C-alpha atoms as a PDB file:
ATOM      1  CA  MET A   1     171.449  16.423   5.111  1.00  0.00           C
ATOM      2  CA  GLU A   2     171.603  19.506   3.090  1.00  0.00           C
ATOM      3  CA  THR A   3     170.929  22.936   5.739  1.00  0.00           C
ATOM      4  CA  LYS A   4     167.278  23.910   3.987  1.00  0.00           C
ATOM      5  CA  THR A   5     166.304  20.064   5.434  1.00  0.00           C
ATOM      6  CA  ALA A   6     167.353  20.394   8.735  1.00  0.00           C
ATOM      7  CA  VAL A   7     166.007  23.988   8.630  1.00  0.00           C
ATOM      8  CA  THR A   8     162.762  22.535   7.653  1.00  0.00           C
ATOM      9  CA  LEU A   9     163.222  19.671  10.456  1.00  0.00           C
ATOM     10  CA  LEU A  10     163.825  22.283  12.949  1.00  0.00           C
ATOM     11  CA  ALA A  11     160.852  24.303  12.387  1.00  0.00           C
ATOM     12  CA  ALA A  12     158.182  21.256  12.636  1.00  0.00           C
ATOM     13  CA  LEU A  13     159.911  20.716  16.053  1.00  0.00           C
ATOM     14  CA  ALA A  14     159.404  25.026  17.320  1.00  0.00           C
ATOM     15  CA  GLN A  15     156.075  24.272  18.751  1.00  0.00           C
ATOM     16  CA  ASP A  16     155.574  23.404  22.172  1.00  0.00           C
ATOM     17  CA  THR A  17     152.650  20.870  21.302  1.00  0.00           C
ATOM     18  CA  ARG A  18     154.736  19.416  18.144  1.00  0.00           C
ATOM     19  CA  LEU A  19     157.839  19.008  20.547  1.00  0.00           C
ATOM     20  CA  ALA A  20     155.719  16.844  22.899  1.00  0.00           C
ATOM     21  CA  ILE A  21     154.181  14.402  20.672  1.00  0.00           C
ATOM     22  CA  TYR A  22     157.834  14.063  19.372  1.00  0.00           C
ATOM     23  CA  ARG A  23     159.171  13.464  22.476  1.00  0.00           C
ATOM     24  CA  LEU A  24     156.251  11.232  23.822  1.00  0.00           C
ATOM     25  CA  LEU A  25     156.877   9.169  20.096  1.00  0.00           C
ATOM     26  CA  VAL A  26     160.404   8.837  20.204  1.00  0.00           C
ATOM     27  CA  GLN A  27     160.078   7.503  23.975  1.00  0.00           C
ATOM     28  CA  GLN A  28     157.144   4.836  22.892  1.00  0.00           C
ATOM     29  CA  GLY A  29     159.678   3.354  20.231  1.00  0.00           C
ATOM     30  CA  PRO A  30     159.290   2.097  17.071  1.00  0.00           C
ATOM     31  CA  GLU A  31     155.373   0.576  17.375  1.00  0.00           C
ATOM     32  CA  GLY A  32     154.446   4.314  18.328  1.00  0.00           C
ATOM     33  CA  LEU A  33     150.985   4.871  19.894  1.00  0.00           C
ATOM     34  CA  ALA A  34     147.089   5.413  18.422  1.00  0.00           C
ATOM     35  CA  VAL A  35     146.719   8.808  17.502  1.00  0.00           C
ATOM     36  CA  GLY A  36     143.845   9.226  20.549  1.00  0.00           C
ATOM     37  CA  GLN A  37     146.492   7.872  23.001  1.00  0.00           C
ATOM     38  CA  ILE A  38     148.469  10.685  22.539  1.00  0.00           C
ATOM     39  CA  GLY A  39     145.721  12.871  22.254  1.00  0.00           C
ATOM     40  CA  GLU A  40     144.844  11.128  26.054  1.00  0.00           C
ATOM     41  CA  ARG A  41     148.331  11.316  27.222  1.00  0.00           C
ATOM     42  CA  LEU A  42     149.404  14.943  25.980  1.00  0.00           C
ATOM     43  CA  ALA A  43     145.088  16.545  26.407  1.00  0.00           C
ATOM     44  CA  VAL A  44     145.110  17.728  23.069  1.00  0.00           C
ATOM     45  CA  ALA A  45     142.114  17.891  21.441  1.00  0.00           C
ATOM     46  CA  ASN A  46     141.514  16.068  18.180  1.00  0.00           C
ATOM     47  CA  ALA A  47     141.946  18.866  15.642  1.00  0.00           C
ATOM     48  CA  THR A  48     144.569  20.178  17.009  1.00  0.00           C
ATOM     49  CA  LEU A  49     146.583  17.130  17.199  1.00  0.00           C
ATOM     50  CA  SER A  50     145.531  16.266  13.403  1.00  0.00           C
ATOM     51  CA  PHE A  51     146.817  19.631  12.710  1.00  0.00           C
ATOM     52  CA  HIS A  52     149.966  18.982  14.649  1.00  0.00           C
ATOM     53  CA  LEU A  53     150.731  15.499  13.620  1.00  0.00           C
ATOM     54  CA  LYS A  54     149.938  16.219  10.049  1.00  0.00           C
ATOM     55  CA  GLU A  55     153.336  18.632  10.047  1.00  0.00           C
ATOM     56  CA  LEU A  56     155.724  16.317  11.623  1.00  0.00           C
ATOM     57  CA  SER A  57     154.737  14.028   9.072  1.00  0.00           C
ATOM     58  CA  HIS A  58     154.939  16.400   6.188  1.00  0.00           C
ATOM     59  CA  ALA A  59     158.420  16.961   7.753  1.00  0.00           C
ATOM     60  CA  GLY A  60     159.133  13.143   7.856  1.00  0.00           C
ATOM     61  CA  LEU A  61     159.665  13.800  10.972  1.00  0.00           C
ATOM     62  CA  VAL A  62     156.721  10.821  12.498  1.00  0.00           C
ATOM     63  CA  GLN A  63     155.393   7.559  10.093  1.00  0.00           C
ATOM     64  CA  ALA A  64     151.738   6.512  10.584  1.00  0.00           C
ATOM     65  CA  ARG A  65     150.331   3.221   9.786  1.00  0.00           C
ATOM     66  CA  GLN A  66     147.111   1.797   9.993  1.00  0.00           C
ATOM     67  CA  GLU A  67     146.065  -1.292  11.882  1.00  0.00           C
ATOM     68  CA  GLY A  68     142.519  -1.718  11.910  1.00  0.00           C
ATOM     69  CA  ARG A  69     140.338   1.221  12.495  1.00  0.00           C
ATOM     70  CA  PHE A  70     143.222   3.251  14.290  1.00  0.00           C
ATOM     71  CA  ILE A  71     145.940   4.808  13.111  1.00  0.00           C
ATOM     72  CA  TYR A  72     149.554   4.426  15.076  1.00  0.00           C
ATOM     73  CA  TYR A  73     152.297   7.045  14.400  1.00  0.00           C
ATOM     74  CA  SER A  74     155.565   6.209  15.374  1.00  0.00           C
ATOM     75  CA  ALA A  75     159.135   8.592  15.565  1.00  0.00           C
ATOM     76  CA  ASN A  76     161.087   8.419  11.917  1.00  0.00           C
ATOM     77  CA  TYR A  77     164.725   7.509  14.150  1.00  0.00           C
ATOM     78  CA  GLU A  78     166.592   7.421  10.678  1.00  0.00           C
ATOM     79  CA  GLN A  79     165.584  10.683  10.064  1.00  0.00           C
ATOM     80  CA  MET A  80     166.092  12.100  13.674  1.00  0.00           C
ATOM     81  CA  ASN A  81     169.282  10.942  13.450  1.00  0.00           C
ATOM     82  CA  ALA A  82     170.817  12.052  10.521  1.00  0.00           C
ATOM     83  CA  LEU A  83     169.509  15.499  11.942  1.00  0.00           C
ATOM     84  CA  LEU A  84     171.586  14.947  15.239  1.00  0.00           C
ATOM     85  CA  GLY A  85     174.037  14.013  12.975  1.00  0.00           C
ATOM     86  CA  PHE A  86     174.229  17.238  10.874  1.00  0.00           C
ATOM     87  CA  LEU A  87     173.589  19.466  14.195  1.00  0.00           C
ATOM     88  CA  THR A  88     177.097  17.440  15.375  1.00  0.00           C
ATOM     89  CA  LYS A  89     178.772  17.174  12.382  1.00  0.00           C
ATOM     90  CA  ASN A  90     182.458  18.538  12.632  1.00  0.00           C
ATOM     91  CA  CYS A  91     181.778  18.681  16.783  1.00  0.00           C
ATOM     92  CA  CYS A  92     184.595  19.782  19.303  1.00  0.00           C
ATOM     93  CA  ARG A  93     186.796  20.959  16.547  1.00  0.00           C
ATOM     94  CA  GLY A  94     187.351  17.409  14.547  1.00  0.00           C
ATOM     95  CA  GLU A  95     188.192  15.564  18.061  1.00  0.00           C
ATOM     96  CA  ALA A  96     186.259  12.828  19.879  1.00  0.00           C
ATOM     97  CA  CYS A  97     183.474  14.046  22.418  1.00  0.00           C
ATOM     98  CA  THR A  98     182.575  12.330  25.226  1.00  0.00           C
ATOM     99  CA  PRO A  99     179.077  11.022  25.241  1.00  0.00           C
ATOM    100  CA  ALA A 100     176.835  13.937  26.724  1.00  0.00           C
ATOM    101  CA  SER A 101     175.396  11.618  29.244  1.00  0.00           C
ATOM    102  CA  SER A 102     178.479  11.855  31.380  1.00  0.00           C
ATOM    103  CA  ILE A 103     179.669  15.466  30.667  1.00  0.00           C
ATOM    104  CA  SER A 104     179.085  18.310  28.262  1.00  0.00           C
ATOM    105  CA  PRO A 105     179.788  17.268  24.555  1.00  0.00           C
ATOM    106  CA  CYS A 106     182.881  18.996  24.094  1.00  0.00           C
ATOM    107  CA  ASP A 107     184.234  18.193  26.747  1.00  0.00           C
ATOM    108  CA  ASP A 108     188.091  20.066  27.118  1.00  0.00           C
ATOM    109  CA  ALA A 109     188.218  20.182  23.586  1.00  0.00           C
ATOM    110  CA  CYS A 110     185.702  22.989  23.071  1.00  0.00           C
ATOM    111  CA  SER A 111     187.234  25.412  25.941  1.00  0.00           C
END
């Protein structure tokens, strides 16, 4: 991933509502949620929600699919993983890092 792409992705997430939408979609898994469900769960007005979903979609962080008269959005996990890989590339001076769930990402290697 190029730095310019990473900046675009991070900029798309650098807003409270968009970050909340994205986190909700990540939690929902590949099936995602209908637009109305996203708005209900986050108490976001339709016009505002549409704007934020467009921004996330343009950045490639979410994808839409239509089923009947409903539009479902889901997180683009491939793009998310690419961003995470970019952010953690060369972590810990090349040393293997212990997963963050158990201790800090760099453990003693970053001290």
